[in-house]
Amino acid sequence: MKRQWNQMAVLALALAPAVAAAQDFPAKPIRILVAFPAASTGDVIARVVGPKLSEGVGQPVIVENRGGAGGNIGAQVVAKAAPDGYTLLATSSAIAINVTLYKNPGFAAKDLVAVAHAGATPNMIFAHPSVPANNLQELFALAKTRPMSYASAGTGTGTQLMMEMLKKQAKADIVHVPFSPAAAVTAVVGDQASMGITSIPMPLAQVKGGKLRPIAVTTAKRVPGLPNVPTVAESGFPGFEDMTWFAFFLPAATPTAIVGRLNAELNRAMEQPEVKEKFATMNVEFSRTTPAEVADYVRKEIAKYARVIQETGAKAE
């Protein structure tokens, strides 16, 4: 019995600093490192959520862009940061892709802990108005008669992998031209690429302005704001569904109490009317999640994309 009490005392002493840190958290500004460039969907989400998170925790929240290597740079920085809750990673489904796509992404899945889901957006396939195709079947049929190219948010991104899957199924040869998310849209508007695929917020204004033709969305059902745009599944690819998701992560050794506090505050921030309104204009679908739920989802996404990478033979740049 005495030995057990001694062991418990040692454990209590070991846990004391972590408990104290969690009780005092936060005592200084929090940084959100966005793994992608400014104006990307993930960046907009972080900058909309940041001020509301600041209100909840009572400390400034600073949003910084740490883009590069398909999202790996930001993940590397956060994975190596102090596990004290003051450095959050805002990233996308790219994190579930990169751990398989890159031989050495500079971090491992075990180096990060999931905190909260930050929404998901449908992806859209769109074309330059001069392309004589109004749907996906016509687009792929056209690609078999003349050279065509498609722009994406970069090599190894979820949108590029999904387009490669569709190309394979359609037996169509369309050259991939990688860009940043915003530049991919600009490239198609400028007719530098025949078509493109990105998350919906990126081309939405150009689609509504008539500068791009929407071809299909990647959701299971049509998008409410675009009722005349068919889904990929409706367009000859039954069961096809894919969305770009976003989430917040912390260094793996962050105390559970701090992870829980930030989960609660991030969920609260994303449920504020102003944030929900902005998300709606971007077609971002958000639902409250626990860290465990996000972690389980990410594990499944890693397995899904590992299969896609194997089937398409995709390689990092």
C-alpha atoms as a PDB file:
ATOM      1  CA  MET A   1       0.000   0.000   0.000  1.00  0.00           C
ATOM      2  CA  LYS A   2       2.805   2.394   0.925  1.00  0.00           C
ATOM      3  CA  ARG A   3       4.453   1.697  -2.422  1.00  0.00           C
ATOM      4  CA  GLN A   4       1.203   2.501  -4.254  1.00  0.00           C
ATOM      5  CA  TRP A   5       0.861   5.783  -2.376  1.00  0.00           C
ATOM      6  CA  ASN A   6       4.453   6.667  -3.275  1.00  0.00           C
ATOM      7  CA  GLN A   7       3.765   5.923  -6.950  1.00  0.00           C
ATOM      8  CA  MET A   8       0.630   8.081  -6.866  1.00  0.00           C
ATOM      9  CA  ALA A   9       2.568  10.905  -5.238  1.00  0.00           C
ATOM     10  CA  VAL A  10       5.229  10.760  -7.950  1.00  0.00           C
ATOM     11  CA  LEU A  11       2.521  10.787 -10.647  1.00  0.00           C
ATOM     12  CA  ALA A  12       0.795  13.766  -9.032  1.00  0.00           C
ATOM     13  CA  LEU A  13       4.060  15.694  -8.925  1.00  0.00           C
ATOM     14  CA  ALA A  14       4.726  14.868 -12.573  1.00  0.00           C
ATOM     15  CA  LEU A  15       1.273  16.074 -13.637  1.00  0.00           C
ATOM     16  CA  ALA A  16       1.274  19.204 -11.483  1.00  0.00           C
ATOM     17  CA  PRO A  17       3.044  21.505 -14.000  1.00  0.00           C
ATOM     18  CA  ALA A  18       0.684  20.479 -16.821  1.00  0.00           C
ATOM     19  CA  VAL A  19      -2.398  21.001 -14.643  1.00  0.00           C
ATOM     20  CA  ALA A  20      -1.139  24.399 -13.503  1.00  0.00           C
ATOM     21  CA  ALA A  21      -0.377  25.417 -17.085  1.00  0.00           C
ATOM     22  CA  ALA A  22      -3.864  24.433 -18.206  1.00  0.00           C
ATOM     23  CA  GLN A  23      -5.489  26.384 -15.365  1.00  0.00           C
ATOM     24  CA  ASP A  24      -3.526  29.523 -16.272  1.00  0.00           C
ATOM     25  CA  PHE A  25      -4.130  29.145 -20.017  1.00  0.00           C
ATOM     26  CA  PRO A  26      -4.038  31.399 -21.921  1.00  0.00           C
ATOM     27  CA  ALA A  27      -1.727  33.946 -20.350  1.00  0.00           C
ATOM     28  CA  LYS A  28      -0.386  35.462 -23.583  1.00  0.00           C
ATOM     29  CA  PRO A  29      -1.330  35.848 -27.278  1.00  0.00           C
ATOM     30  CA  ILE A  30      -2.124  32.753 -29.346  1.00  0.00           C
ATOM     31  CA  ARG A  31      -0.766  32.308 -32.863  1.00  0.00           C
ATOM     32  CA  ILE A  32      -2.632  30.540 -35.657  1.00  0.00           C
ATOM     33  CA  LEU A  33      -0.253  29.443 -38.402  1.00  0.00           C
ATOM     34  CA  VAL A  34      -2.108  28.952 -41.683  1.00  0.00           C
ATOM     35  CA  ALA A  35      -0.395  26.319 -43.825  1.00  0.00           C
ATOM     36  CA  PHE A  36      -1.397  28.089 -47.052  1.00  0.00           C
ATOM     37  CA  PRO A  37      -1.091  31.517 -48.727  1.00  0.00           C
ATOM     38  CA  ALA A  38      -3.189  34.579 -47.992  1.00  0.00           C
ATOM     39  CA  ALA A  39      -6.672  34.622 -49.568  1.00  0.00           C
ATOM     40  CA  SER A  40      -6.875  30.815 -49.671  1.00  0.00           C
ATOM     41  CA  THR A  41     -10.039  29.319 -48.154  1.00  0.00           C
ATOM     42  CA  GLY A  42      -8.159  28.105 -45.079  1.00  0.00           C
ATOM     43  CA  ASP A  43      -6.669  31.561 -44.593  1.00  0.00           C
ATOM     44  CA  VAL A  44     -10.079  33.240 -44.794  1.00  0.00           C
ATOM     45  CA  ILE A  45     -11.507  30.750 -42.283  1.00  0.00           C
ATOM     46  CA  ALA A  46      -8.675  31.406 -39.817  1.00  0.00           C
ATOM     47  CA  ARG A  47      -9.027  35.187 -40.135  1.00  0.00           C
ATOM     48  CA  VAL A  48     -12.793  35.037 -39.625  1.00  0.00           C
ATOM     49  CA  VAL A  49     -12.504  32.721 -36.612  1.00  0.00           C
ATOM     50  CA  GLY A  50      -9.468  34.427 -35.033  1.00  0.00           C
ATOM     51  CA  PRO A  51     -11.213  37.526 -33.611  1.00  0.00           C
ATOM     52  CA  LYS A  52     -14.024  35.420 -32.125  1.00  0.00           C
ATOM     53  CA  LEU A  53     -11.507  33.041 -30.574  1.00  0.00           C
ATOM     54  CA  SER A  54      -9.748  36.076 -29.102  1.00  0.00           C
ATOM     55  CA  GLU A  55     -13.005  37.215 -27.481  1.00  0.00           C
ATOM     56  CA  GLY A  56     -13.469  33.805 -25.898  1.00  0.00           C
ATOM     57  CA  VAL A  57      -9.969  33.348 -24.483  1.00  0.00           C
ATOM     58  CA  GLY A  58      -9.385  36.978 -23.528  1.00  0.00           C
ATOM     59  CA  GLN A  59      -6.062  37.210 -25.359  1.00  0.00           C
ATOM     60  CA  PRO A  60      -5.001  38.476 -28.805  1.00  0.00           C
ATOM     61  CA  VAL A  61      -5.036  35.872 -31.582  1.00  0.00           C
ATOM     62  CA  ILE A  62      -2.484  36.475 -34.323  1.00  0.00           C
ATOM     63  CA  VAL A  63      -2.946  34.803 -37.716  1.00  0.00           C
ATOM     64  CA  GLU A  64       0.204  34.181 -39.762  1.00  0.00           C
ATOM     65  CA  ASN A  65       0.676  32.500 -43.142  1.00  0.00           C
ATOM     66  CA  ARG A  66       3.282  29.745 -43.278  1.00  0.00           C
ATOM     67  CA  GLY A  67       2.585  28.318 -46.711  1.00  0.00           C
ATOM     68  CA  GLY A  68       4.903  26.167 -48.764  1.00  0.00           C
ATOM     69  CA  ALA A  69       5.501  22.546 -49.777  1.00  0.00           C
ATOM     70  CA  GLY A  70       1.786  21.875 -50.098  1.00  0.00           C
ATOM     71  CA  GLY A  71       1.104  22.762 -46.480  1.00  0.00           C
ATOM     72  CA  ASN A  72       4.100  20.934 -45.020  1.00  0.00           C
ATOM     73  CA  ILE A  73       5.991  24.027 -43.857  1.00  0.00           C
ATOM     74  CA  GLY A  74       3.253  25.172 -41.496  1.00  0.00           C
ATOM     75  CA  ALA A  75       2.788  21.633 -40.175  1.00  0.00           C
ATOM     76  CA  GLN A  76       6.525  21.300 -39.541  1.00  0.00           C
ATOM     77  CA  VAL A  77       6.654  24.547 -37.563  1.00  0.00           C
ATOM     78  CA  VAL A  78       3.698  23.626 -35.351  1.00  0.00           C
ATOM     79  CA  ALA A  79       4.873  20.029 -34.850  1.00  0.00           C
ATOM     80  CA  LYS A  80       8.141  21.395 -33.436  1.00  0.00           C
ATOM     81  CA  ALA A  81       6.566  24.227 -31.408  1.00  0.00           C
ATOM     82  CA  ALA A  82       6.290  24.185 -27.622  1.00  0.00           C
ATOM     83  CA  PRO A  83       3.286  22.021 -26.638  1.00  0.00           C
ATOM     84  CA  ASP A  84       1.704  24.784 -24.592  1.00  0.00           C
ATOM     85  CA  GLY A  85      -1.366  25.685 -26.680  1.00  0.00           C
ATOM     86  CA  TYR A  86      -0.006  28.969 -27.984  1.00  0.00           C
ATOM     87  CA  THR A  87       0.731  27.784 -31.541  1.00  0.00           C
ATOM     88  CA  LEU A  88      -2.209  26.409 -33.525  1.00  0.00           C
ATOM     89  CA  LEU A  89      -2.036  24.991 -37.035  1.00  0.00           C
ATOM     90  CA  ALA A  90      -4.856  25.823 -39.443  1.00  0.00           C
ATOM     91  CA  THR A  91      -4.671  23.407 -42.340  1.00  0.00           C
ATOM     92  CA  SER A  92      -6.764  21.370 -44.740  1.00  0.00           C
ATOM     93  CA  SER A  93      -7.211  17.836 -46.014  1.00  0.00           C
ATOM     94  CA  ALA A  94      -3.714  18.298 -47.470  1.00  0.00           C
ATOM     95  CA  ILE A  95      -2.332  17.133 -44.144  1.00  0.00           C
ATOM     96  CA  ALA A  96      -3.992  13.735 -44.642  1.00  0.00           C
ATOM     97  CA  ILE A  97      -2.509  13.526 -48.140  1.00  0.00           C
ATOM     98  CA  ASN A  98       1.032  14.685 -47.461  1.00  0.00           C
ATOM     99  CA  VAL A  99       1.946  12.047 -44.888  1.00  0.00           C
ATOM    100  CA  THR A 100       1.688   9.510 -47.745  1.00  0.00           C
ATOM    101  CA  LEU A 101       2.477  11.623 -50.806  1.00  0.00           C
ATOM    102  CA  TYR A 102       5.836  12.919 -49.553  1.00  0.00           C
ATOM    103  CA  LYS A 103       8.678  10.571 -48.651  1.00  0.00           C
ATOM    104  CA  ASN A 104       9.712  13.033 -45.964  1.00  0.00           C
ATOM    105  CA  PRO A 105       7.095  15.716 -45.266  1.00  0.00           C
ATOM    106  CA  GLY A 106       9.097  16.893 -42.251  1.00  0.00           C
ATOM    107  CA  PHE A 107       6.484  15.777 -39.737  1.00  0.00           C
ATOM    108  CA  ALA A 108       4.460  12.660 -38.925  1.00  0.00           C
ATOM    109  CA  ALA A 109       0.771  12.344 -38.114  1.00  0.00           C
ATOM    110  CA  LYS A 110       1.731  11.427 -34.541  1.00  0.00           C
ATOM    111  CA  ASP A 111       3.481  14.806 -34.113  1.00  0.00           C
ATOM    112  CA  LEU A 112       0.167  16.690 -34.094  1.00  0.00           C
ATOM    113  CA  VAL A 113      -3.059  16.428 -32.118  1.00  0.00           C
ATOM    114  CA  ALA A 114      -6.421  17.339 -33.628  1.00  0.00           C
ATOM    115  CA  VAL A 115      -8.296  20.142 -31.862  1.00  0.00           C
ATOM    116  CA  ALA A 116     -11.387  21.065 -33.881  1.00  0.00           C
ATOM    117  CA  HIS A 117     -12.978  20.705 -37.294  1.00  0.00           C
ATOM    118  CA  ALA A 118     -13.187  24.049 -39.121  1.00  0.00           C
ATOM    119  CA  GLY A 119     -15.671  23.199 -41.827  1.00  0.00           C
ATOM    120  CA  ALA A 120     -15.619  21.635 -45.273  1.00  0.00           C
ATOM    121  CA  THR A 121     -16.269  23.043 -48.718  1.00  0.00           C
ATOM    122  CA  PRO A 122     -17.465  21.348 -51.890  1.00  0.00           C
ATOM    123  CA  ASN A 123     -15.063  21.386 -54.810  1.00  0.00           C
ATOM    124  CA  MET A 124     -16.058  22.617 -58.247  1.00  0.00           C
ATOM    125  CA  ILE A 125     -14.956  21.686 -61.732  1.00  0.00           C
ATOM    126  CA  PHE A 126     -15.218  24.741 -63.987  1.00  0.00           C
ATOM    127  CA  ALA A 127     -14.189  25.682 -67.519  1.00  0.00           C
ATOM    128  CA  HIS A 128     -13.359  28.722 -69.613  1.00  0.00           C
ATOM    129  CA  PRO A 129     -16.538  29.940 -71.410  1.00  0.00           C
ATOM    130  CA  SER A 130     -14.949  29.227 -74.800  1.00  0.00           C
ATOM    131  CA  VAL A 131     -14.753  25.496 -74.044  1.00  0.00           C
ATOM    132  CA  PRO A 132     -17.706  23.860 -75.884  1.00  0.00           C
ATOM    133  CA  ALA A 133     -18.825  21.616 -73.036  1.00  0.00           C
ATOM    134  CA  ASN A 134     -21.678  22.066 -70.582  1.00  0.00           C
ATOM    135  CA  ASN A 135     -21.223  18.984 -68.427  1.00  0.00           C
ATOM    136  CA  LEU A 136     -18.570  16.521 -67.322  1.00  0.00           C
ATOM    137  CA  GLN A 137     -19.370  13.906 -69.966  1.00  0.00           C
ATOM    138  CA  GLU A 138     -19.060  16.486 -72.745  1.00  0.00           C
ATOM    139  CA  LEU A 139     -15.856  17.807 -71.204  1.00  0.00           C
ATOM    140  CA  PHE A 140     -14.178  14.395 -71.119  1.00  0.00           C
ATOM    141  CA  ALA A 141     -15.461  13.574 -74.626  1.00  0.00           C
ATOM    142  CA  LEU A 142     -13.938  16.832 -75.872  1.00  0.00           C
ATOM    143  CA  ALA A 143     -10.617  15.990 -74.202  1.00  0.00           C
ATOM    144  CA  LYS A 144     -10.417  12.878 -76.387  1.00  0.00           C
ATOM    145  CA  THR A 145     -10.538  15.004 -79.537  1.00  0.00           C
ATOM    146  CA  ARG A 146      -8.131  17.832 -78.732  1.00  0.00           C
ATOM    147  CA  PRO A 147      -5.403  18.811 -76.227  1.00  0.00           C
ATOM    148  CA  MET A 148      -6.741  20.179 -72.953  1.00  0.00           C
ATOM    149  CA  SER A 149      -5.308  21.186 -69.601  1.00  0.00           C
ATOM    150  CA  TYR A 150      -6.687  21.672 -66.122  1.00  0.00           C
ATOM    151  CA  ALA A 151      -5.527  23.952 -63.326  1.00  0.00           C
ATOM    152  CA  SER A 152      -5.559  22.923 -59.681  1.00  0.00           C
ATOM    153  CA  ALA A 153      -4.366  24.313 -56.365  1.00  0.00           C
ATOM    154  CA  GLY A 154      -1.150  22.315 -56.724  1.00  0.00           C
ATOM    155  CA  THR A 155       0.372  18.892 -57.225  1.00  0.00           C
ATOM    156  CA  GLY A 156      -0.780  16.415 -54.612  1.00  0.00           C
ATOM    157  CA  THR A 157      -3.737  18.480 -53.431  1.00  0.00           C
ATOM    158  CA  GLY A 158      -7.024  16.711 -52.854  1.00  0.00           C
ATOM    159  CA  THR A 159      -8.578  18.395 -55.877  1.00  0.00           C
ATOM    160  CA  GLN A 160      -5.759  17.249 -58.161  1.00  0.00           C
ATOM    161  CA  LEU A 161      -5.982  13.684 -56.861  1.00  0.00           C
ATOM    162  CA  MET A 162      -9.739  13.600 -57.399  1.00  0.00           C
ATOM    163  CA  MET A 163      -9.397  14.916 -60.956  1.00  0.00           C
ATOM    164  CA  GLU A 164      -6.782  12.268 -61.674  1.00  0.00           C
ATOM    165  CA  MET A 165      -9.247   9.630 -60.439  1.00  0.00           C
ATOM    166  CA  LEU A 166     -11.954  11.009 -62.743  1.00  0.00           C
ATOM    167  CA  LYS A 167      -9.555  11.163 -65.698  1.00  0.00           C
ATOM    168  CA  LYS A 168      -8.607   7.554 -65.118  1.00  0.00           C
ATOM    169  CA  GLN A 169     -12.234   6.437 -65.013  1.00  0.00           C
ATOM    170  CA  ALA A 170     -13.116   8.483 -68.112  1.00  0.00           C
ATOM    171  CA  LYS A 171      -9.946   7.396 -69.950  1.00  0.00           C
ATOM    172  CA  ALA A 172      -9.311  11.047 -70.823  1.00  0.00           C
ATOM    173  CA  ASP A 173      -5.895  12.670 -71.147  1.00  0.00           C
ATOM    174  CA  ILE A 174      -5.951  16.184 -69.691  1.00  0.00           C
ATOM    175  CA  VAL A 175      -2.641  17.817 -68.751  1.00  0.00           C
ATOM    176  CA  HIS A 176      -2.350  19.003 -65.153  1.00  0.00           C
ATOM    177  CA  VAL A 177      -1.032  22.531 -64.557  1.00  0.00           C
ATOM    178  CA  PRO A 178      -0.434  23.253 -60.840  1.00  0.00           C
ATOM    179  CA  PHE A 179      -1.067  26.708 -59.349  1.00  0.00           C
ATOM    180  CA  SER A 180      -1.958  28.207 -55.991  1.00  0.00           C
ATOM    181  CA  PRO A 181      -5.745  28.145 -55.295  1.00  0.00           C
ATOM    182  CA  ALA A 182      -6.404  31.740 -56.391  1.00  0.00           C
ATOM    183  CA  ALA A 183      -3.974  31.539 -59.317  1.00  0.00           C
ATOM    184  CA  ALA A 184      -5.713  28.404 -60.619  1.00  0.00           C
ATOM    185  CA  VAL A 185      -8.919  30.392 -61.038  1.00  0.00           C
ATOM    186  CA  THR A 186      -7.095  33.300 -62.676  1.00  0.00           C
ATOM    187  CA  ALA A 187      -5.396  30.901 -65.090  1.00  0.00           C
ATOM    188  CA  VAL A 188      -8.711  29.524 -66.356  1.00  0.00           C
ATOM    189  CA  VAL A 189     -10.292  32.993 -66.576  1.00  0.00           C
ATOM    190  CA  GLY A 190      -7.270  34.046 -68.665  1.00  0.00           C
ATOM    191  CA  ASP A 191      -7.571  30.906 -70.836  1.00  0.00           C
ATOM    192  CA  GLN A 192      -4.145  29.649 -69.740  1.00  0.00           C
ATOM    193  CA  ALA A 193      -5.874  26.374 -68.869  1.00  0.00           C
ATOM    194  CA  SER A 194      -9.034  24.895 -70.378  1.00  0.00           C
ATOM    195  CA  MET A 195     -10.589  24.045 -67.040  1.00  0.00           C
ATOM    196  CA  GLY A 196      -9.912  23.945 -63.315  1.00  0.00           C
ATOM    197  CA  ILE A 197     -10.847  22.305 -60.047  1.00  0.00           C
ATOM    198  CA  THR A 198     -10.675  24.029 -56.663  1.00  0.00           C
ATOM    199  CA  SER A 199     -12.798  24.434 -53.560  1.00  0.00           C
ATOM    200  CA  ILE A 200     -15.972  26.383 -54.384  1.00  0.00           C
ATOM    201  CA  PRO A 201     -15.119  29.675 -52.609  1.00  0.00           C
ATOM    202  CA  MET A 202     -12.237  30.294 -55.024  1.00  0.00           C
ATOM    203  CA  PRO A 203     -14.130  30.468 -58.379  1.00  0.00           C
ATOM    204  CA  LEU A 204     -17.574  31.392 -57.042  1.00  0.00           C
ATOM    205  CA  ALA A 205     -17.453  35.121 -57.868  1.00  0.00           C
ATOM    206  CA  GLN A 206     -16.114  34.453 -61.374  1.00  0.00           C
ATOM    207  CA  VAL A 207     -18.789  31.806 -61.974  1.00  0.00           C
ATOM    208  CA  LYS A 208     -21.544  34.179 -60.885  1.00  0.00           C
ATOM    209  CA  GLY A 209     -19.985  36.912 -63.028  1.00  0.00           C
ATOM    210  CA  GLY A 210     -20.066  34.725 -66.135  1.00  0.00           C
ATOM    211  CA  LYS A 211     -16.289  34.551 -66.518  1.00  0.00           C
ATOM    212  CA  LEU A 212     -16.239  30.809 -65.802  1.00  0.00           C
ATOM    213  CA  ARG A 213     -18.662  28.017 -66.663  1.00  0.00           C
ATOM    214  CA  PRO A 214     -19.516  25.670 -63.788  1.00  0.00           C
ATOM    215  CA  ILE A 215     -19.352  22.024 -64.856  1.00  0.00           C
ATOM    216  CA  ALA A 216     -19.952  19.985 -61.696  1.00  0.00           C
ATOM    217  CA  VAL A 217     -19.681  20.016 -57.901  1.00  0.00           C
ATOM    218  CA  THR A 218     -18.185  17.173 -55.875  1.00  0.00           C
ATOM    219  CA  THR A 219     -20.837  16.910 -53.169  1.00  0.00           C
ATOM    220  CA  ALA A 220     -23.360  14.081 -52.828  1.00  0.00           C
ATOM    221  CA  LYS A 221     -26.181  16.597 -53.409  1.00  0.00           C
ATOM    222  CA  ARG A 222     -26.339  19.824 -55.397  1.00  0.00           C
ATOM    223  CA  VAL A 223     -25.091  22.961 -53.654  1.00  0.00           C
ATOM    224  CA  PRO A 224     -28.012  25.191 -52.504  1.00  0.00           C
ATOM    225  CA  GLY A 225     -26.511  28.356 -53.978  1.00  0.00           C
ATOM    226  CA  LEU A 226     -25.879  26.656 -57.331  1.00  0.00           C
ATOM    227  CA  PRO A 227     -28.997  24.556 -57.947  1.00  0.00           C
ATOM    228  CA  ASN A 228     -28.406  24.251 -61.701  1.00  0.00           C
ATOM    229  CA  VAL A 229     -24.906  22.810 -61.349  1.00  0.00           C
ATOM    230  CA  PRO A 230     -24.985  18.989 -61.325  1.00  0.00           C
ATOM    231  CA  THR A 231     -22.923  16.797 -59.043  1.00  0.00           C
ATOM    232  CA  VAL A 232     -20.102  14.625 -60.356  1.00  0.00           C
ATOM    233  CA  ALA A 233     -22.165  11.598 -59.309  1.00  0.00           C
ATOM    234  CA  GLU A 234     -25.055  12.791 -61.495  1.00  0.00           C
ATOM    235  CA  SER A 235     -22.642  13.313 -64.372  1.00  0.00           C
ATOM    236  CA  GLY A 236     -21.785   9.666 -64.912  1.00  0.00           C
ATOM    237  CA  PHE A 237     -19.668   8.852 -61.853  1.00  0.00           C
ATOM    238  CA  PRO A 238     -22.070   7.222 -59.356  1.00  0.00           C
ATOM    239  CA  GLY A 239     -21.093   7.429 -55.704  1.00  0.00           C
ATOM    240  CA  PHE A 240     -18.415  10.073 -56.267  1.00  0.00           C
ATOM    241  CA  GLU A 241     -18.116  12.548 -53.402  1.00  0.00           C
ATOM    242  CA  ASP A 242     -15.218  14.643 -52.139  1.00  0.00           C
ATOM    243  CA  MET A 243     -14.882  17.810 -50.084  1.00  0.00           C
ATOM    244  CA  THR A 244     -11.955  19.921 -48.953  1.00  0.00           C
ATOM    245  CA  TRP A 245     -12.004  20.029 -45.160  1.00  0.00           C
ATOM    246  CA  PHE A 246     -10.239  22.285 -42.694  1.00  0.00           C
ATOM    247  CA  ALA A 247      -9.124  21.711 -39.110  1.00  0.00           C
ATOM    248  CA  PHE A 248      -7.025  23.071 -36.271  1.00  0.00           C
ATOM    249  CA  PHE A 249      -4.125  21.117 -34.734  1.00  0.00           C
ATOM    250  CA  LEU A 250      -1.625  21.525 -31.879  1.00  0.00           C
ATOM    251  CA  PRO A 251       1.742  19.905 -31.078  1.00  0.00           C
ATOM    252  CA  ALA A 252       1.163  16.310 -29.928  1.00  0.00           C
ATOM    253  CA  ALA A 253       2.315  16.714 -26.320  1.00  0.00           C
ATOM    254  CA  THR A 254      -0.080  19.587 -25.550  1.00  0.00           C
ATOM    255  CA  PRO A 255      -1.925  18.919 -22.241  1.00  0.00           C
ATOM    256  CA  THR A 256      -5.377  17.424 -22.758  1.00  0.00           C
ATOM    257  CA  ALA A 257      -6.974  20.195 -20.704  1.00  0.00           C
ATOM    258  CA  ILE A 258      -5.596  22.853 -23.069  1.00  0.00           C
ATOM    259  CA  VAL A 259      -6.710  20.894 -26.138  1.00  0.00           C
ATOM    260  CA  GLY A 260     -10.181  20.669 -24.596  1.00  0.00           C
ATOM    261  CA  ARG A 261     -10.293  24.380 -23.782  1.00  0.00           C
ATOM    262  CA  LEU A 262      -9.321  25.375 -27.308  1.00  0.00           C
ATOM    263  CA  ASN A 263     -11.779  22.880 -28.780  1.00  0.00           C
ATOM    264  CA  ALA A 264     -14.591  24.480 -26.781  1.00  0.00           C
ATOM    265  CA  GLU A 265     -13.523  28.019 -27.683  1.00  0.00           C
ATOM    266  CA  LEU A 266     -13.059  27.261 -31.386  1.00  0.00           C
ATOM    267  CA  ASN A 267     -16.458  25.576 -31.592  1.00  0.00           C
ATOM    268  CA  ARG A 268     -18.019  28.544 -29.805  1.00  0.00           C
ATOM    269  CA  ALA A 269     -16.274  30.965 -32.188  1.00  0.00           C
ATOM    270  CA  MET A 270     -17.455  29.110 -35.285  1.00  0.00           C
ATOM    271  CA  GLU A 271     -21.033  29.074 -34.014  1.00  0.00           C
ATOM    272  CA  GLN A 272     -21.184  32.878 -33.737  1.00  0.00           C
ATOM    273  CA  PRO A 273     -23.723  34.465 -36.144  1.00  0.00           C
ATOM    274  CA  GLU A 274     -21.134  36.550 -38.002  1.00  0.00           C
ATOM    275  CA  VAL A 275     -18.909  33.517 -38.591  1.00  0.00           C
ATOM    276  CA  LYS A 276     -21.827  31.326 -39.661  1.00  0.00           C
ATOM    277  CA  GLU A 277     -22.931  34.032 -42.098  1.00  0.00           C
ATOM    278  CA  LYS A 278     -19.454  34.271 -43.645  1.00  0.00           C
ATOM    279  CA  PHE A 279     -19.179  30.485 -43.832  1.00  0.00           C
ATOM    280  CA  ALA A 280     -22.533  30.365 -45.645  1.00  0.00           C
ATOM    281  CA  THR A 281     -21.344  32.813 -48.313  1.00  0.00           C
ATOM    282  CA  MET A 282     -18.297  30.566 -48.855  1.00  0.00           C
ATOM    283  CA  ASN A 283     -20.320  27.323 -48.876  1.00  0.00           C
ATOM    284  CA  VAL A 284     -18.380  26.152 -45.809  1.00  0.00           C
ATOM    285  CA  GLU A 285     -20.291  23.472 -43.918  1.00  0.00           C
ATOM    286  CA  PHE A 286     -19.447  23.415 -40.203  1.00  0.00           C
ATOM    287  CA  SER A 287     -20.493  21.074 -37.415  1.00  0.00           C
ATOM    288  CA  ARG A 288     -19.309  20.957 -33.796  1.00  0.00           C
ATOM    289  CA  THR A 289     -16.778  18.182 -33.115  1.00  0.00           C
ATOM    290  CA  THR A 290     -14.646  16.832 -30.279  1.00  0.00           C
ATOM    291  CA  PRO A 291     -10.876  16.322 -30.639  1.00  0.00           C
ATOM    292  CA  ALA A 292     -11.444  12.545 -30.682  1.00  0.00           C
ATOM    293  CA  GLU A 293     -13.972  12.834 -33.515  1.00  0.00           C
ATOM    294  CA  VAL A 294     -11.602  14.940 -35.602  1.00  0.00           C
ATOM    295  CA  ALA A 295      -8.708  12.551 -34.946  1.00  0.00           C
ATOM    296  CA  ASP A 296     -10.814   9.577 -36.043  1.00  0.00           C
ATOM    297  CA  TYR A 297     -11.926  11.404 -39.191  1.00  0.00           C
ATOM    298  CA  VAL A 298      -8.338  12.347 -40.074  1.00  0.00           C
ATOM    299  CA  ARG A 299      -7.195   8.726 -39.670  1.00  0.00           C
ATOM    300  CA  LYS A 300      -9.877   7.619 -42.132  1.00  0.00           C
ATOM    301  CA  GLU A 301      -8.924  10.388 -44.566  1.00  0.00           C
ATOM    302  CA  ILE A 302      -5.252   9.359 -44.431  1.00  0.00           C
ATOM    303  CA  ALA A 303      -6.271   5.813 -45.382  1.00  0.00           C
ATOM    304  CA  LYS A 304      -8.566   7.083 -48.169  1.00  0.00           C
ATOM    305  CA  TYR A 305      -5.953   9.286 -49.768  1.00  0.00           C
ATOM    306  CA  ALA A 306      -3.279   6.591 -49.445  1.00  0.00           C
ATOM    307  CA  ARG A 307      -5.487   4.405 -51.665  1.00  0.00           C
ATOM    308  CA  VAL A 308      -6.038   7.243 -54.158  1.00  0.00           C
ATOM    309  CA  ILE A 309      -2.304   7.989 -54.340  1.00  0.00           C
ATOM    310  CA  GLN A 310      -1.577   4.324 -54.979  1.00  0.00           C
ATOM    311  CA  GLU A 311      -4.269   4.046 -57.672  1.00  0.00           C
ATOM    312  CA  THR A 312      -3.308   7.235 -59.525  1.00  0.00           C
ATOM    313  CA  GLY A 313       0.448   6.971 -59.068  1.00  0.00           C
ATOM    314  CA  ALA A 314       0.522  10.602 -57.900  1.00  0.00           C
ATOM    315  CA  LYS A 315       3.897  11.978 -56.853  1.00  0.00           C
ATOM    316  CA  ALA A 316       4.975  15.137 -55.050  1.00  0.00           C
ATOM    317  CA  GLU A 317       6.720  17.838 -57.060  1.00  0.00           C
END
